[in-house]
Amino acid sequence: MQDFFKKEIDFDYSYLDGKECLNKLTSQEKNELIEHKNDIDFDVREIIVKRGLPVTHILYLIDGLVKLEIENDGKPFTVGLIPSHSFIGIICCFAFEKFDFTVTALEKSKVSFIDRNIFENFIKTNGDFALSLITHMSGTSNGLMHRITSLSQKNIDGALSILLLEFSNIYNSTNYKLPMVRRELANMLGYSKESVINTLSKFNKEGIIEVSDRKISILDKQKLIQISKLG
């Protein structure tokens, strides 16, 4: 029994994205969804949802990148980055009558606003869709918990490494342009703007990354991963 608790357990994280969930709808339900949704384009930094508005629709990000913020003691806290083919704040939408978060576009984004009543009806009548949605929400919740706890336990080197790797995964590349300025990075991580600037400069001097304004090139990904774990 003691050996069991000493042994590191491997978990198989099988993440189901929002697009896979919607594919569980029947042809008739998909047609009904199309009739009861509105697709809206948002520019960079435009607010998609403001905290306190009624939850009349379920939000699905067709294309783009957005950030989701909650408010604690009057201060905004970025919970996570949401990429394309994802529901936005789905784990909170059925708990309250008003949105308890704010969503802002980091890139030009297209969002589907799906009538909440129609969406809830799909959950009640389509078991496969309901199960896939639960799987998606569980994976999303798990990811958020790990992200928040990981960042809270890291120094600036570790926290910034996690964020740079997160953007690398989102863009599926080691070369990308940050969708936010240094001050916004600092707010996401809970550190000062100066700390972020100094750490980026240090990573640049050590040959881990190459920084040019908002352009990032990860030169030593393994080193960055190591810092993210140990920092």
Protein backbone atom coordinates (compact mmCIF):
# COMPACT_ATOMS: atom_id res chain seq x y z
CA MET A 1 0.00 0.00 0.00
CA GLN A 2 2.84 2.39 0.82
CA ASP A 3 4.43 1.75 -2.60
CA PHE A 4 1.15 2.73 -4.25
CA PHE A 5 1.15 6.17 -2.62
CA LYS A 6 4.82 6.71 -3.45
CA LYS A 7 4.27 5.85 -7.09
CA GLU A 8 3.52 8.78 -9.41
CA ILE A 9 0.13 8.27 -11.04
CA ASP A 10 -0.28 8.96 -14.75
CA PHE A 11 -3.56 10.56 -15.77
CA ASP A 12 -4.90 10.41 -19.30
CA TYR A 13 -6.23 13.88 -19.99
CA SER A 14 -8.61 13.48 -22.92
CA TYR A 15 -9.91 16.95 -23.77
CA LEU A 16 -13.06 17.32 -25.83
CA ASP A 17 -13.37 20.73 -27.53
CA GLY A 18 -16.57 22.63 -28.18
CA LYS A 19 -16.71 21.71 -31.85
CA GLU A 20 -16.76 18.01 -30.99
CA CYS A 21 -19.66 18.66 -28.60
CA LEU A 22 -21.73 20.40 -31.27
CA ASN A 23 -21.10 17.51 -33.65
CA LYS A 24 -23.15 15.35 -31.25
CA LEU A 25 -26.27 17.28 -32.24
CA THR A 26 -28.63 15.63 -34.71
CA SER A 27 -29.11 17.16 -38.17
CA GLN A 28 -32.45 18.57 -37.07
CA GLU A 29 -30.90 20.08 -33.92
CA LYS A 30 -28.06 21.62 -35.93
CA ASN A 31 -30.58 23.29 -38.21
CA GLU A 32 -32.49 24.52 -35.17
CA LEU A 33 -29.27 25.89 -33.67
CA ILE A 34 -28.49 27.78 -36.88
CA GLU A 35 -31.94 29.38 -36.76
CA HIS A 36 -31.47 30.50 -33.16
CA LYS A 37 -27.94 31.89 -33.18
CA ASN A 38 -26.28 35.12 -34.21
CA ASP A 39 -22.64 35.32 -35.32
CA ILE A 40 -20.97 38.60 -34.38
CA ASP A 41 -17.48 39.86 -35.26
CA PHE A 42 -15.41 41.65 -32.64
CA ASP A 43 -12.31 43.79 -33.08
CA VAL A 44 -9.15 43.56 -30.98
CA ARG A 45 -9.76 44.69 -27.37
CA GLU A 46 -13.51 44.92 -27.89
CA ILE A 47 -15.59 43.67 -24.97
CA ILE A 48 -17.71 40.67 -25.96
CA VAL A 49 -19.50 40.19 -22.65
CA LYS A 50 -19.56 42.49 -19.66
CA ARG A 51 -20.03 41.22 -16.13
CA GLY A 52 -23.57 41.70 -14.86
CA LEU A 53 -25.41 41.26 -18.16
CA PRO A 54 -28.24 38.66 -18.26
CA VAL A 55 -27.25 35.18 -19.46
CA THR A 56 -29.66 34.97 -22.40
CA HIS A 57 -27.23 33.20 -24.73
CA ILE A 58 -24.47 30.59 -24.68
CA LEU A 59 -21.29 31.89 -26.29
CA TYR A 60 -19.20 29.85 -28.72
CA LEU A 61 -15.93 31.18 -30.14
CA ILE A 62 -15.82 30.27 -33.84
CA ASP A 63 -12.52 31.97 -34.54
CA GLY A 64 -10.04 34.17 -32.69
CA LEU A 65 -8.68 34.43 -29.16
CA VAL A 66 -10.33 35.94 -26.09
CA LYS A 67 -9.53 36.36 -22.40
CA LEU A 68 -11.96 35.69 -19.58
CA GLU A 69 -11.73 37.81 -16.45
CA ILE A 70 -13.46 37.59 -13.10
CA GLU A 71 -13.49 40.31 -10.47
CA ASN A 72 -12.31 39.92 -6.87
CA ASP A 73 -12.39 42.83 -4.44
CA GLY A 74 -12.92 45.21 -7.34
CA LYS A 75 -9.84 44.01 -9.23
CA PRO A 76 -9.96 42.05 -12.52
CA PHE A 77 -8.22 38.67 -12.62
CA THR A 78 -7.62 36.81 -15.88
CA VAL A 79 -8.84 33.25 -15.42
CA GLY A 80 -7.79 31.98 -18.80
CA LEU A 81 -7.24 32.37 -22.52
CA ILE A 82 -9.90 30.85 -24.77
CA PRO A 83 -8.96 29.73 -28.31
CA SER A 84 -11.14 28.98 -31.33
CA HIS A 85 -13.77 26.19 -31.24
CA SER A 86 -14.47 26.71 -27.54
CA PHE A 87 -17.47 27.65 -25.46
CA ILE A 88 -16.85 30.84 -23.52
CA GLY A 89 -17.37 30.57 -19.77
CA ILE A 90 -19.59 27.51 -20.21
CA ILE A 91 -18.86 26.25 -16.68
CA CYS A 92 -20.51 29.38 -15.23
CA CYS A 93 -23.40 29.97 -17.62
CA PHE A 94 -25.91 27.65 -15.94
CA ALA A 95 -25.20 28.70 -12.36
CA PHE A 96 -26.33 32.34 -12.52
CA GLU A 97 -28.88 34.49 -14.31
CA LYS A 98 -26.19 37.12 -14.97
CA PHE A 99 -22.67 36.73 -16.34
CA ASP A 100 -20.14 36.68 -13.50
CA PHE A 101 -17.24 37.41 -15.84
CA THR A 102 -16.04 39.76 -18.58
CA VAL A 103 -14.79 38.56 -21.96
CA THR A 104 -12.50 40.64 -24.18
CA ALA A 105 -11.19 39.88 -27.67
CA LEU A 106 -7.39 39.65 -27.88
CA GLU A 107 -7.57 39.16 -31.64
CA LYS A 108 -10.28 39.74 -34.23
CA SER A 109 -12.84 37.17 -33.18
CA LYS A 110 -16.14 35.71 -34.36
CA VAL A 111 -18.58 34.59 -31.67
CA SER A 112 -21.85 32.68 -31.96
CA PHE A 113 -24.56 33.77 -29.53
CA ILE A 114 -26.79 30.71 -29.13
CA ASP A 115 -30.22 31.08 -27.53
CA ARG A 116 -29.88 29.65 -24.02
CA ASN A 117 -33.37 28.09 -24.01
CA ILE A 118 -32.67 26.20 -27.24
CA PHE A 119 -29.30 25.07 -25.89
CA GLU A 120 -30.84 23.81 -22.64
CA ASN A 121 -33.46 21.90 -24.63
CA PHE A 122 -30.68 20.07 -26.52
CA ILE A 123 -29.21 19.04 -23.15
CA LYS A 124 -32.57 17.69 -21.96
CA THR A 125 -33.39 15.72 -25.12
CA ASN A 126 -30.00 14.61 -26.50
CA GLY A 127 -28.11 12.39 -24.06
CA ASP A 128 -25.01 12.08 -26.25
CA PHE A 129 -24.75 15.86 -26.52
CA ALA A 130 -25.30 16.30 -22.78
CA LEU A 131 -22.58 13.76 -21.94
CA SER A 132 -20.10 15.32 -24.36
CA LEU A 133 -20.83 18.76 -22.89
CA ILE A 134 -20.20 17.45 -19.37
CA THR A 135 -16.90 15.97 -20.59
CA HIS A 136 -15.96 19.28 -22.16
CA MET A 137 -16.87 21.23 -19.02
CA SER A 138 -14.92 18.81 -16.81
CA GLY A 139 -11.83 19.15 -18.99
CA THR A 140 -12.16 22.93 -19.00
CA SER A 141 -12.57 23.07 -15.21
CA ASN A 142 -9.58 20.79 -14.71
CA GLY A 143 -7.43 22.94 -16.98
CA LEU A 144 -8.41 26.14 -15.20
CA MET A 145 -7.68 24.67 -11.76
CA HIS A 146 -4.24 23.46 -12.84
CA ARG A 147 -3.46 26.79 -14.54
CA ILE A 148 -4.47 28.92 -11.56
CA THR A 149 -2.70 26.76 -8.97
CA SER A 150 0.44 26.49 -11.11
CA LEU A 151 0.69 30.25 -11.60
CA SER A 152 0.04 30.96 -7.91
CA GLN A 153 2.99 28.77 -6.89
CA LYS A 154 5.54 30.23 -9.33
CA ASN A 155 7.97 33.10 -9.21
CA ILE A 156 8.01 35.53 -12.15
CA ASP A 157 10.37 33.29 -14.16
CA GLY A 158 8.11 30.26 -13.81
CA ALA A 159 4.85 32.14 -14.32
CA LEU A 160 6.07 33.93 -17.45
CA SER A 161 7.43 30.66 -18.84
CA ILE A 162 4.01 29.04 -18.40
CA LEU A 163 2.33 31.92 -20.24
CA LEU A 164 4.83 31.92 -23.13
CA LEU A 165 4.35 28.18 -23.55
CA GLU A 166 0.57 28.61 -23.37
CA PHE A 167 0.68 31.07 -26.27
CA SER A 168 2.98 28.69 -28.16
CA ASN A 169 0.38 25.92 -27.78
CA ILE A 170 -2.47 28.22 -28.84
CA TYR A 171 -0.65 29.35 -31.98
CA ASN A 172 0.91 25.91 -32.52
CA SER A 173 4.26 27.56 -33.18
CA THR A 174 7.43 28.65 -31.40
CA ASN A 175 7.24 31.94 -33.31
CA TYR A 176 4.29 34.22 -32.63
CA LYS A 177 3.20 37.75 -31.82
CA LEU A 178 1.93 38.40 -28.31
CA PRO A 179 -1.67 39.65 -28.45
CA MET A 180 -1.12 41.97 -25.50
CA VAL A 181 1.31 44.56 -24.18
CA ARG A 182 3.66 44.14 -21.20
CA ARG A 183 1.23 45.76 -18.76
CA GLU A 184 -1.48 43.25 -19.68
CA LEU A 185 0.97 40.36 -19.30
CA ALA A 186 1.81 41.66 -15.84
CA ASN A 187 -1.87 41.88 -14.88
CA MET A 188 -2.43 38.30 -16.03
CA LEU A 189 0.44 37.01 -13.92
CA GLY A 190 0.00 39.22 -10.86
CA TYR A 191 3.44 40.81 -11.17
CA SER A 192 4.62 44.31 -11.99
CA LYS A 193 5.20 45.51 -15.54
CA GLU A 194 8.88 46.03 -14.68
CA SER A 195 9.23 42.42 -13.51
CA VAL A 196 7.81 41.14 -16.81
CA ILE A 197 10.09 43.42 -18.87
CA ASN A 198 13.18 42.41 -16.87
CA THR A 199 12.38 38.69 -17.11
CA LEU A 200 11.77 38.83 -20.87
CA SER A 201 15.10 40.66 -21.21
CA LYS A 202 16.84 38.00 -19.09
CA PHE A 203 15.37 35.14 -21.15
CA ASN A 204 16.48 36.98 -24.27
CA LYS A 205 20.07 37.42 -23.01
CA GLU A 206 20.26 33.76 -21.97
CA GLY A 207 19.22 32.64 -25.45
CA ILE A 208 15.99 31.00 -24.28
CA ILE A 209 13.81 33.28 -26.38
CA GLU A 210 14.28 36.11 -28.84
CA VAL A 211 12.18 39.20 -28.20
CA SER A 212 11.42 41.98 -30.64
CA ASP A 213 8.64 44.25 -29.39
CA ARG A 214 5.69 41.80 -29.20
CA LYS A 215 7.27 39.18 -31.45
CA ILE A 216 8.47 36.07 -29.60
CA SER A 217 10.70 33.28 -30.89
CA ILE A 218 11.25 30.39 -28.50
CA LEU A 219 14.82 29.23 -29.11
CA ASP A 220 15.17 26.70 -26.29
CA LYS A 221 11.76 25.21 -25.57
CA GLN A 222 13.08 22.51 -23.24
CA LYS A 223 14.78 25.12 -21.08
CA LEU A 224 11.56 27.13 -20.96
CA ILE A 225 9.63 24.01 -19.94
CA GLN A 226 12.17 23.32 -17.21
CA ILE A 227 11.82 26.87 -15.86
CA SER A 228 8.03 26.56 -15.93
CA LYS A 229 8.26 23.50 -13.70
CA LEU A 230 10.97 24.64 -11.31
CA GLY A 231 10.52 28.41 -11.27
